[in-house]
Amino acid sequence: MTNNKVLYPVHLSSDGFFNSSSGLLISLHDPEPHMFTLPDIATGLSNIARFGGQTSNFHSVALHTLLVWHLAPIPLKPVALLHDTPEAYLGDVIKPLKVILAPLYGPIEEKFGRIIFNKYGVDYNLLELIKPYDMNALAIEHSHHHKKASKFLKLFQEIRNERGGAPIREMLLTLLKEEFGQYD
């Protein structure tokens, strides 16, 4: 399928197609590498709330991605940047619901992940190595939102300082382009 930037009729969404923020046509049934771009990934992750939106302030998946990237060792930084990229297109599903939906949602999420990782030259099997940093970030975020712990704010300020204080979407997009720009 060639990918034209044509506005897909939203009332036909039951057939598994939707438009990305840039207008690319995305297929849930047959995703292909050309459907995924770094700007769409950065936009999607920046607009999706973590924790089902149940935080006192908006907390995006992009911010989580930046935190995991910050915590990960240098060899795993590319994996950290891509670890939640399927969510840019599929949304962030809270863990209890993801467990319930696993038989249906899991294969779709994995298919998107494998295609995105492959497109950007990262071994999908390395995803398992990012789990400790992902879980550490989750614990830090959870403590921040539910116990008002300050470690998150300190780490976020370090990230902002390292990246010149840019908005979250721009920080993420810049990192993605620095790491994977040759593939887009």
N, C-alpha and C. Protein backbone atom coordinates (compact mmCIF):
# COMPACT_ATOMS: atom_id res chain seq x y z
N MET A 1 0.85 -1.18 0.00
CA MET A 1 0.00 0.00 0.00
C MET A 1 0.89 1.24 0.00
N THR A 2 0.67 2.15 -0.91
CA THR A 2 1.39 3.42 -0.85
C THR A 2 0.71 4.29 0.18
N ASN A 3 1.46 5.19 0.73
CA ASN A 3 0.90 5.98 1.83
C ASN A 3 0.75 7.42 1.40
N ASN A 4 -0.43 7.77 1.03
CA ASN A 4 -0.73 9.15 0.68
C ASN A 4 -1.21 9.88 1.92
N LYS A 5 -0.99 11.17 1.93
CA LYS A 5 -1.50 11.99 3.02
C LYS A 5 -2.90 12.44 2.65
N VAL A 6 -3.85 11.52 2.83
CA VAL A 6 -5.24 11.77 2.52
C VAL A 6 -6.03 11.65 3.82
N LEU A 7 -6.89 12.61 4.07
CA LEU A 7 -7.70 12.56 5.27
C LEU A 7 -8.64 11.37 5.19
N TYR A 8 -8.48 10.43 6.11
CA TYR A 8 -9.29 9.23 6.11
C TYR A 8 -10.61 9.52 6.80
N PRO A 9 -11.72 9.10 6.22
CA PRO A 9 -13.03 9.36 6.83
C PRO A 9 -13.16 8.70 8.21
N VAL A 10 -13.29 9.50 9.22
CA VAL A 10 -13.31 9.00 10.59
C VAL A 10 -14.47 8.04 10.83
N HIS A 11 -15.56 8.19 10.12
CA HIS A 11 -16.70 7.29 10.31
C HIS A 11 -16.42 5.89 9.78
N LEU A 12 -15.30 5.70 9.07
CA LEU A 12 -14.91 4.38 8.59
C LEU A 12 -13.85 3.74 9.48
N SER A 13 -13.68 4.27 10.69
CA SER A 13 -12.60 3.81 11.56
C SER A 13 -12.69 2.33 11.92
N SER A 14 -13.85 1.74 11.77
CA SER A 14 -13.98 0.32 12.11
C SER A 14 -13.16 -0.58 11.17
N ASP A 15 -12.67 -0.04 10.06
CA ASP A 15 -11.86 -0.87 9.17
C ASP A 15 -10.37 -0.84 9.52
N GLY A 16 -10.00 -0.15 10.63
CA GLY A 16 -8.64 -0.22 11.14
C GLY A 16 -7.66 0.80 10.59
N PHE A 17 -8.15 1.87 9.98
CA PHE A 17 -7.27 2.92 9.47
C PHE A 17 -7.51 4.22 10.23
N PHE A 18 -6.44 5.00 10.38
CA PHE A 18 -6.57 6.34 10.94
C PHE A 18 -5.40 7.17 10.43
N ASN A 19 -5.51 8.49 10.61
CA ASN A 19 -4.45 9.39 10.18
C ASN A 19 -3.54 9.74 11.34
N SER A 20 -2.24 9.84 11.04
CA SER A 20 -1.28 10.34 12.03
C SER A 20 -1.37 11.86 12.05
N SER A 21 -0.63 12.49 12.95
CA SER A 21 -0.68 13.96 13.04
C SER A 21 -0.19 14.63 11.76
N SER A 22 0.69 13.96 11.02
CA SER A 22 1.19 14.54 9.77
C SER A 22 0.28 14.22 8.59
N GLY A 23 -0.74 13.40 8.82
CA GLY A 23 -1.67 13.05 7.77
C GLY A 23 -1.41 11.70 7.13
N LEU A 24 -0.34 10.99 7.56
CA LEU A 24 -0.08 9.67 7.00
C LEU A 24 -1.19 8.70 7.40
N LEU A 25 -1.52 7.81 6.51
CA LEU A 25 -2.54 6.80 6.77
C LEU A 25 -1.89 5.62 7.49
N ILE A 26 -2.42 5.29 8.66
CA ILE A 26 -1.89 4.20 9.49
C ILE A 26 -2.89 3.05 9.47
N SER A 27 -2.38 1.84 9.26
CA SER A 27 -3.21 0.65 9.28
C SER A 27 -2.94 -0.15 10.54
N LEU A 28 -3.97 -0.44 11.30
CA LEU A 28 -3.81 -1.30 12.47
C LEU A 28 -3.62 -2.76 12.07
N HIS A 29 -4.18 -3.14 10.93
CA HIS A 29 -4.11 -4.53 10.47
C HIS A 29 -2.80 -4.84 9.77
N ASP A 30 -2.28 -3.89 9.02
CA ASP A 30 -1.09 -4.14 8.20
C ASP A 30 -0.13 -2.95 8.26
N PRO A 31 0.43 -2.66 9.45
CA PRO A 31 1.34 -1.52 9.54
C PRO A 31 2.62 -1.77 8.74
N GLU A 32 3.13 -0.72 8.12
CA GLU A 32 4.34 -0.80 7.31
C GLU A 32 5.29 0.30 7.75
N PRO A 33 6.59 0.10 7.56
CA PRO A 33 7.58 1.07 8.04
C PRO A 33 7.34 2.51 7.58
N HIS A 34 6.89 2.70 6.35
CA HIS A 34 6.72 4.07 5.84
C HIS A 34 5.61 4.84 6.56
N MET A 35 4.81 4.15 7.37
CA MET A 35 3.73 4.80 8.10
C MET A 35 4.22 5.53 9.34
N PHE A 36 5.46 5.27 9.74
CA PHE A 36 5.98 5.79 11.01
C PHE A 36 7.07 6.81 10.74
N THR A 37 6.95 7.99 11.37
CA THR A 37 7.95 9.04 11.23
C THR A 37 8.33 9.57 12.61
N LEU A 38 9.52 10.12 12.69
CA LEU A 38 9.98 10.68 13.97
C LEU A 38 9.10 11.83 14.45
N PRO A 39 8.70 12.77 13.58
CA PRO A 39 7.80 13.84 14.08
C PRO A 39 6.46 13.30 14.58
N ASP A 40 5.90 12.31 13.90
CA ASP A 40 4.63 11.73 14.37
C ASP A 40 4.82 11.02 15.71
N ILE A 41 5.94 10.33 15.87
CA ILE A 41 6.23 9.66 17.14
C ILE A 41 6.33 10.69 18.26
N ALA A 42 7.11 11.75 18.04
CA ALA A 42 7.29 12.78 19.06
C ALA A 42 5.96 13.46 19.39
N THR A 43 5.16 13.74 18.38
CA THR A 43 3.87 14.39 18.61
C THR A 43 2.93 13.46 19.37
N GLY A 44 2.84 12.22 18.93
CA GLY A 44 1.95 11.27 19.60
C GLY A 44 2.31 11.07 21.05
N LEU A 45 3.59 10.81 21.33
CA LEU A 45 4.01 10.56 22.71
C LEU A 45 3.86 11.81 23.58
N SER A 46 3.99 12.99 22.98
CA SER A 46 3.86 14.24 23.73
C SER A 46 2.41 14.55 24.09
N ASN A 47 1.48 14.01 23.33
CA ASN A 47 0.07 14.31 23.56
C ASN A 47 -0.68 13.23 24.35
N ILE A 48 0.01 12.16 24.71
CA ILE A 48 -0.64 11.05 25.41
C ILE A 48 -0.27 11.09 26.89
N ALA A 49 -1.28 11.02 27.73
CA ALA A 49 -1.08 11.08 29.18
C ALA A 49 -0.70 9.72 29.74
N ARG A 50 0.22 9.74 30.68
CA ARG A 50 0.55 8.55 31.47
C ARG A 50 -0.52 8.37 32.55
N PHE A 51 -0.56 7.17 33.12
CA PHE A 51 -1.43 6.86 34.27
C PHE A 51 -2.91 7.11 33.96
N GLY A 52 -3.30 6.95 32.71
CA GLY A 52 -4.69 7.17 32.33
C GLY A 52 -5.15 8.60 32.57
N GLY A 53 -4.18 9.52 32.64
CA GLY A 53 -4.51 10.92 32.89
C GLY A 53 -4.83 11.23 34.35
N GLN A 54 -4.66 10.25 35.23
CA GLN A 54 -5.04 10.41 36.64
C GLN A 54 -3.88 10.98 37.46
N THR A 55 -3.40 12.14 37.04
CA THR A 55 -2.35 12.87 37.75
C THR A 55 -2.83 14.31 37.93
N SER A 56 -2.26 15.00 38.89
CA SER A 56 -2.68 16.37 39.15
C SER A 56 -2.24 17.32 38.04
N ASN A 57 -1.17 16.97 37.34
CA ASN A 57 -0.69 17.74 36.20
C ASN A 57 -0.48 16.79 35.03
N PHE A 58 -0.59 17.32 33.82
CA PHE A 58 -0.39 16.49 32.64
C PHE A 58 1.02 15.90 32.65
N HIS A 59 1.10 14.60 32.44
CA HIS A 59 2.37 13.88 32.42
C HIS A 59 2.36 13.00 31.18
N SER A 60 3.14 13.37 30.19
CA SER A 60 3.08 12.68 28.90
C SER A 60 3.98 11.45 28.83
N VAL A 61 3.68 10.59 27.89
CA VAL A 61 4.54 9.45 27.60
C VAL A 61 5.89 9.95 27.10
N ALA A 62 5.92 11.09 26.41
CA ALA A 62 7.19 11.67 25.95
C ALA A 62 8.08 12.00 27.14
N LEU A 63 7.51 12.57 28.18
CA LEU A 63 8.29 12.88 29.37
C LEU A 63 8.83 11.61 30.01
N HIS A 64 8.01 10.58 30.06
CA HIS A 64 8.45 9.27 30.56
C HIS A 64 9.61 8.75 29.71
N THR A 65 9.48 8.86 28.40
CA THR A 65 10.53 8.40 27.49
C THR A 65 11.84 9.13 27.76
N LEU A 66 11.76 10.45 27.96
CA LEU A 66 12.96 11.23 28.27
C LEU A 66 13.58 10.77 29.59
N LEU A 67 12.76 10.45 30.57
CA LEU A 67 13.27 9.99 31.86
C LEU A 67 13.96 8.64 31.70
N VAL A 68 13.35 7.71 30.98
CA VAL A 68 13.98 6.40 30.75
C VAL A 68 15.30 6.60 30.00
N TRP A 69 15.30 7.46 28.99
CA TRP A 69 16.52 7.76 28.23
C TRP A 69 17.60 8.30 29.16
N HIS A 70 17.23 9.19 30.05
CA HIS A 70 18.17 9.81 30.99
C HIS A 70 18.78 8.75 31.93
N LEU A 71 17.97 7.80 32.37
CA LEU A 71 18.42 6.77 33.32
C LEU A 71 19.23 5.66 32.66
N ALA A 72 18.98 5.40 31.39
CA ALA A 72 19.61 4.27 30.68
C ALA A 72 21.09 4.54 30.40
N PRO A 73 21.91 3.48 30.41
CA PRO A 73 23.31 3.65 30.02
C PRO A 73 23.41 3.93 28.51
N ILE A 74 24.51 4.52 28.11
CA ILE A 74 24.69 4.95 26.72
C ILE A 74 24.35 3.87 25.69
N PRO A 75 24.80 2.62 25.86
CA PRO A 75 24.48 1.62 24.82
C PRO A 75 22.98 1.36 24.65
N LEU A 76 22.18 1.65 25.69
CA LEU A 76 20.75 1.37 25.63
C LEU A 76 19.90 2.61 25.32
N LYS A 77 20.53 3.75 25.15
CA LYS A 77 19.77 4.99 24.90
C LYS A 77 18.89 4.89 23.65
N PRO A 78 19.35 4.30 22.54
CA PRO A 78 18.44 4.15 21.38
C PRO A 78 17.20 3.32 21.71
N VAL A 79 17.39 2.28 22.50
CA VAL A 79 16.26 1.43 22.91
C VAL A 79 15.31 2.24 23.79
N ALA A 80 15.88 3.03 24.69
CA ALA A 80 15.06 3.85 25.59
C ALA A 80 14.18 4.81 24.79
N LEU A 81 14.75 5.40 23.74
CA LEU A 81 13.98 6.35 22.93
C LEU A 81 12.81 5.68 22.21
N LEU A 82 12.96 4.41 21.88
CA LEU A 82 11.93 3.71 21.11
C LEU A 82 11.01 2.83 21.96
N HIS A 83 11.31 2.67 23.24
CA HIS A 83 10.63 1.63 24.01
C HIS A 83 9.12 1.76 24.06
N ASP A 84 8.58 2.96 24.00
CA ASP A 84 7.12 3.13 24.04
C ASP A 84 6.55 3.68 22.73
N THR A 85 7.31 3.60 21.64
CA THR A 85 6.84 4.20 20.39
C THR A 85 5.52 3.64 19.86
N PRO A 86 5.19 2.37 20.09
CA PRO A 86 3.86 1.95 19.62
C PRO A 86 2.73 2.80 20.23
N GLU A 87 2.95 3.31 21.43
CA GLU A 87 1.94 4.12 22.10
C GLU A 87 1.68 5.43 21.37
N ALA A 88 2.63 5.88 20.56
CA ALA A 88 2.41 7.10 19.77
C ALA A 88 1.23 6.90 18.82
N TYR A 89 0.96 5.67 18.48
CA TYR A 89 -0.11 5.34 17.53
C TYR A 89 -1.27 4.59 18.19
N LEU A 90 -0.99 3.85 19.26
CA LEU A 90 -2.00 3.01 19.88
C LEU A 90 -2.53 3.58 21.20
N GLY A 91 -1.87 4.60 21.73
CA GLY A 91 -2.25 5.16 23.01
C GLY A 91 -1.56 4.44 24.15
N ASP A 92 -1.60 5.04 25.32
CA ASP A 92 -1.03 4.44 26.52
C ASP A 92 -2.16 3.76 27.26
N VAL A 93 -2.07 2.47 27.40
CA VAL A 93 -3.09 1.70 28.10
C VAL A 93 -2.58 1.45 29.52
N ILE A 94 -3.38 1.82 30.53
CA ILE A 94 -2.93 1.60 31.91
C ILE A 94 -2.72 0.10 32.14
N LYS A 95 -1.74 -0.22 32.97
CA LYS A 95 -1.30 -1.61 33.15
C LYS A 95 -2.43 -2.57 33.50
N PRO A 96 -3.32 -2.25 34.44
CA PRO A 96 -4.38 -3.23 34.75
C PRO A 96 -5.25 -3.56 33.52
N LEU A 97 -5.54 -2.56 32.70
CA LEU A 97 -6.33 -2.80 31.50
C LEU A 97 -5.51 -3.55 30.45
N LYS A 98 -4.23 -3.22 30.35
CA LYS A 98 -3.36 -3.90 29.38
C LYS A 98 -3.29 -5.40 29.68
N VAL A 99 -3.28 -5.76 30.97
CA VAL A 99 -3.26 -7.17 31.36
C VAL A 99 -4.55 -7.85 30.89
N ILE A 100 -5.68 -7.19 31.08
CA ILE A 100 -6.96 -7.75 30.65
C ILE A 100 -7.02 -7.89 29.13
N LEU A 101 -6.50 -6.88 28.42
CA LEU A 101 -6.55 -6.86 26.95
C LEU A 101 -5.41 -7.62 26.29
N ALA A 102 -4.49 -8.16 27.07
CA ALA A 102 -3.25 -8.74 26.54
C ALA A 102 -3.45 -9.67 25.33
N PRO A 103 -4.42 -10.57 25.35
CA PRO A 103 -4.55 -11.46 24.20
C PRO A 103 -4.85 -10.72 22.88
N LEU A 104 -5.52 -9.59 22.95
CA LEU A 104 -5.84 -8.82 21.75
C LEU A 104 -4.84 -7.70 21.49
N TYR A 105 -4.53 -6.94 22.54
CA TYR A 105 -3.70 -5.75 22.40
C TYR A 105 -2.21 -6.10 22.25
N GLY A 106 -1.75 -7.10 23.00
CA GLY A 106 -0.33 -7.46 23.00
C GLY A 106 0.25 -7.71 21.62
N PRO A 107 -0.39 -8.54 20.79
CA PRO A 107 0.16 -8.79 19.46
C PRO A 107 0.19 -7.54 18.56
N ILE A 108 -0.79 -6.67 18.71
CA ILE A 108 -0.80 -5.43 17.92
C ILE A 108 0.35 -4.53 18.36
N GLU A 109 0.50 -4.37 19.67
CA GLU A 109 1.57 -3.53 20.21
C GLU A 109 2.94 -4.08 19.79
N GLU A 110 3.11 -5.40 19.87
CA GLU A 110 4.39 -6.00 19.48
C GLU A 110 4.66 -5.83 17.99
N LYS A 111 3.64 -5.99 17.17
CA LYS A 111 3.81 -5.82 15.73
C LYS A 111 4.27 -4.40 15.40
N PHE A 112 3.62 -3.41 16.00
CA PHE A 112 4.02 -2.02 15.79
C PHE A 112 5.45 -1.81 16.29
N GLY A 113 5.75 -2.33 17.48
CA GLY A 113 7.09 -2.17 18.04
C GLY A 113 8.17 -2.78 17.16
N ARG A 114 7.94 -3.98 16.69
CA ARG A 114 8.95 -4.65 15.85
C ARG A 114 9.18 -3.87 14.55
N ILE A 115 8.12 -3.38 13.95
CA ILE A 115 8.27 -2.62 12.70
C ILE A 115 9.02 -1.32 12.95
N ILE A 116 8.68 -0.62 14.01
CA ILE A 116 9.34 0.65 14.31
C ILE A 116 10.81 0.42 14.66
N PHE A 117 11.09 -0.54 15.53
CA PHE A 117 12.47 -0.84 15.89
C PHE A 117 13.27 -1.21 14.64
N ASN A 118 12.72 -2.07 13.81
CA ASN A 118 13.41 -2.49 12.60
C ASN A 118 13.68 -1.31 11.66
N LYS A 119 12.68 -0.45 11.50
CA LYS A 119 12.86 0.72 10.63
C LYS A 119 14.03 1.58 11.09
N TYR A 120 14.17 1.73 12.41
CA TYR A 120 15.21 2.60 12.94
C TYR A 120 16.48 1.86 13.36
N GLY A 121 16.61 0.61 12.91
CA GLY A 121 17.86 -0.12 13.06
C GLY A 121 18.20 -0.55 14.48
N VAL A 122 17.17 -0.81 15.30
CA VAL A 122 17.39 -1.23 16.68
C VAL A 122 16.81 -2.64 16.85
N ASP A 123 17.58 -3.51 17.48
CA ASP A 123 17.15 -4.89 17.72
C ASP A 123 16.01 -4.90 18.74
N TYR A 124 14.86 -5.38 18.34
CA TYR A 124 13.69 -5.41 19.21
C TYR A 124 13.94 -6.25 20.46
N ASN A 125 14.79 -7.24 20.36
CA ASN A 125 15.07 -8.11 21.51
C ASN A 125 15.79 -7.36 22.63
N LEU A 126 16.36 -6.18 22.34
CA LEU A 126 17.01 -5.38 23.37
C LEU A 126 15.98 -4.69 24.28
N LEU A 127 14.74 -4.71 23.88
CA LEU A 127 13.68 -4.07 24.66
C LEU A 127 13.65 -4.61 26.09
N GLU A 128 13.92 -5.88 26.24
CA GLU A 128 13.91 -6.49 27.57
C GLU A 128 14.97 -5.87 28.48
N LEU A 129 16.08 -5.41 27.91
CA LEU A 129 17.16 -4.81 28.70
C LEU A 129 16.81 -3.42 29.23
N ILE A 130 15.80 -2.79 28.65
CA ILE A 130 15.42 -1.44 29.09
C ILE A 130 14.42 -1.51 30.26
N LYS A 131 13.86 -2.69 30.51
CA LYS A 131 12.83 -2.84 31.55
C LYS A 131 13.25 -2.30 32.92
N PRO A 132 14.47 -2.57 33.42
CA PRO A 132 14.81 -2.02 34.74
C PRO A 132 14.76 -0.49 34.78
N TYR A 133 15.17 0.16 33.70
CA TYR A 133 15.16 1.63 33.65
C TYR A 133 13.73 2.15 33.50
N ASP A 134 12.92 1.42 32.74
CA ASP A 134 11.50 1.74 32.57
C ASP A 134 10.78 1.62 33.93
N MET A 135 11.06 0.55 34.65
CA MET A 135 10.43 0.33 35.96
C MET A 135 10.91 1.37 36.98
N ASN A 136 12.19 1.74 36.91
CA ASN A 136 12.72 2.78 37.80
C ASN A 136 12.02 4.10 37.51
N ALA A 137 11.89 4.44 36.23
CA ALA A 137 11.19 5.67 35.85
C ALA A 137 9.74 5.64 36.34
N LEU A 138 9.08 4.51 36.17
CA LEU A 138 7.70 4.36 36.63
C LEU A 138 7.60 4.62 38.14
N ALA A 139 8.51 4.04 38.90
CA ALA A 139 8.49 4.23 40.35
C ALA A 139 8.71 5.70 40.72
N ILE A 140 9.64 6.34 40.04
CA ILE A 140 9.92 7.76 40.29
C ILE A 140 8.69 8.61 39.97
N GLU A 141 8.08 8.34 38.81
CA GLU A 141 6.89 9.09 38.39
C GLU A 141 5.73 8.86 39.36
N HIS A 142 5.52 7.62 39.72
CA HIS A 142 4.42 7.27 40.63
C HIS A 142 4.60 7.96 41.98
N SER A 143 5.82 7.93 42.50
CA SER A 143 6.11 8.60 43.77
C SER A 143 5.86 10.10 43.67
N HIS A 144 6.26 10.67 42.55
CA HIS A 144 6.06 12.11 42.34
C HIS A 144 4.57 12.46 42.36
N HIS A 145 3.78 11.69 41.65
CA HIS A 145 2.36 12.04 41.52
C HIS A 145 1.51 11.65 42.73
N HIS A 146 1.94 10.64 43.48
CA HIS A 146 1.11 10.18 44.59
C HIS A 146 1.69 10.45 45.96
N LYS A 147 2.99 10.71 46.02
CA LYS A 147 3.61 11.01 47.32
C LYS A 147 4.28 12.38 47.31
N LYS A 148 4.21 13.05 46.18
CA LYS A 148 4.82 14.37 46.01
C LYS A 148 6.33 14.34 46.26
N ALA A 149 6.98 13.23 45.89
CA ALA A 149 8.44 13.11 46.04
C ALA A 149 9.13 14.00 45.01
N SER A 150 10.30 14.51 45.36
CA SER A 150 10.97 15.51 44.52
C SER A 150 12.02 14.93 43.58
N LYS A 151 12.32 13.65 43.66
CA LYS A 151 13.35 13.07 42.79
C LYS A 151 13.01 13.29 41.32
N PHE A 152 11.75 13.15 40.97
CA PHE A 152 11.33 13.35 39.59
C PHE A 152 11.66 14.77 39.12
N LEU A 153 11.32 15.76 39.93
CA LEU A 153 11.57 17.14 39.54
C LEU A 153 13.05 17.42 39.36
N LYS A 154 13.88 16.82 40.21
CA LYS A 154 15.33 16.98 40.10
C LYS A 154 15.82 16.37 38.78
N LEU A 155 15.37 15.16 38.47
CA LEU A 155 15.79 14.49 37.24
C LEU A 155 15.28 15.24 36.01
N PHE A 156 14.03 15.70 36.08
CA PHE A 156 13.48 16.42 34.94
C PHE A 156 14.27 17.72 34.70
N GLN A 157 14.66 18.38 35.77
CA GLN A 157 15.46 19.60 35.61
C GLN A 157 16.83 19.29 35.00
N GLU A 158 17.42 18.17 35.37
CA GLU A 158 18.68 17.74 34.75
C GLU A 158 18.50 17.53 33.25
N ILE A 159 17.42 16.87 32.87
CA ILE A 159 17.14 16.62 31.45
C ILE A 159 16.95 17.95 30.73
N ARG A 160 16.15 18.83 31.29
CA ARG A 160 15.91 20.15 30.66
C ARG A 160 17.22 20.91 30.50
N ASN A 161 18.07 20.88 31.51
CA ASN A 161 19.34 21.59 31.42
C ASN A 161 20.23 20.99 30.34
N GLU A 162 20.28 19.66 30.26
CA GLU A 162 21.07 18.98 29.23
C GLU A 162 20.58 19.31 27.83
N ARG A 163 19.29 19.50 27.69
CA ARG A 163 18.68 19.69 26.37
C ARG A 163 18.33 21.14 26.09
N GLY A 164 18.87 22.07 26.85
CA GLY A 164 18.68 23.49 26.57
C GLY A 164 17.32 24.05 26.93
N GLY A 165 16.56 23.36 27.75
CA GLY A 165 15.29 23.88 28.22
C GLY A 165 14.17 23.89 27.19
N ALA A 166 14.31 23.15 26.11
CA ALA A 166 13.27 23.10 25.08
C ALA A 166 12.00 22.44 25.61
N PRO A 167 10.86 22.70 24.98
CA PRO A 167 9.63 21.98 25.34
C PRO A 167 9.82 20.46 25.14
N ILE A 168 9.05 19.68 25.85
CA ILE A 168 9.22 18.23 25.86
C ILE A 168 9.17 17.63 24.46
N ARG A 169 8.18 18.02 23.65
CA ARG A 169 8.08 17.45 22.31
C ARG A 169 9.35 17.73 21.51
N GLU A 170 9.85 18.96 21.59
CA GLU A 170 11.05 19.33 20.83
C GLU A 170 12.28 18.60 21.35
N MET A 171 12.37 18.42 22.69
CA MET A 171 13.50 17.66 23.25
C MET A 171 13.50 16.24 22.70
N LEU A 172 12.32 15.61 22.73
CA LEU A 172 12.22 14.24 22.25
C LEU A 172 12.51 14.16 20.76
N LEU A 173 11.92 15.05 19.98
CA LEU A 173 12.13 15.01 18.53
C LEU A 173 13.61 15.23 18.20
N THR A 174 14.26 16.13 18.89
CA THR A 174 15.69 16.37 18.65
C THR A 174 16.50 15.11 18.93
N LEU A 175 16.23 14.46 20.06
CA LEU A 175 16.94 13.22 20.38
C LEU A 175 16.67 12.13 19.35
N LEU A 176 15.41 12.00 18.94
CA LEU A 176 15.06 11.00 17.92
C LEU A 176 15.80 11.28 16.62
N LYS A 177 15.83 12.53 16.20
CA LYS A 177 16.52 12.88 14.94
C LYS A 177 18.02 12.67 15.06
N GLU A 178 18.60 13.02 16.22
CA GLU A 178 20.03 12.80 16.41
C GLU A 178 20.37 11.33 16.31
N GLU A 179 19.52 10.48 16.85
CA GLU A 179 19.79 9.05 16.89
C GLU A 179 19.36 8.33 15.62
N PHE A 180 18.23 8.74 15.03
CA PHE A 180 17.64 7.95 13.94
C PHE A 180 17.34 8.74 12.67
N GLY A 181 17.76 9.99 12.60
CA GLY A 181 17.40 10.85 11.47
C GLY A 181 17.76 10.29 10.11
N GLN A 182 18.80 9.48 10.05
CA GLN A 182 19.20 8.92 8.76
C GLN A 182 18.20 7.92 8.20
N TYR A 183 17.29 7.43 9.04
CA TYR A 183 16.32 6.43 8.60
C TYR A 183 15.01 7.04 8.10
N ASP A 184 14.74 8.29 8.45
CA ASP A 184 13.46 8.91 8.07
C ASP A 184 13.54 9.55 6.71
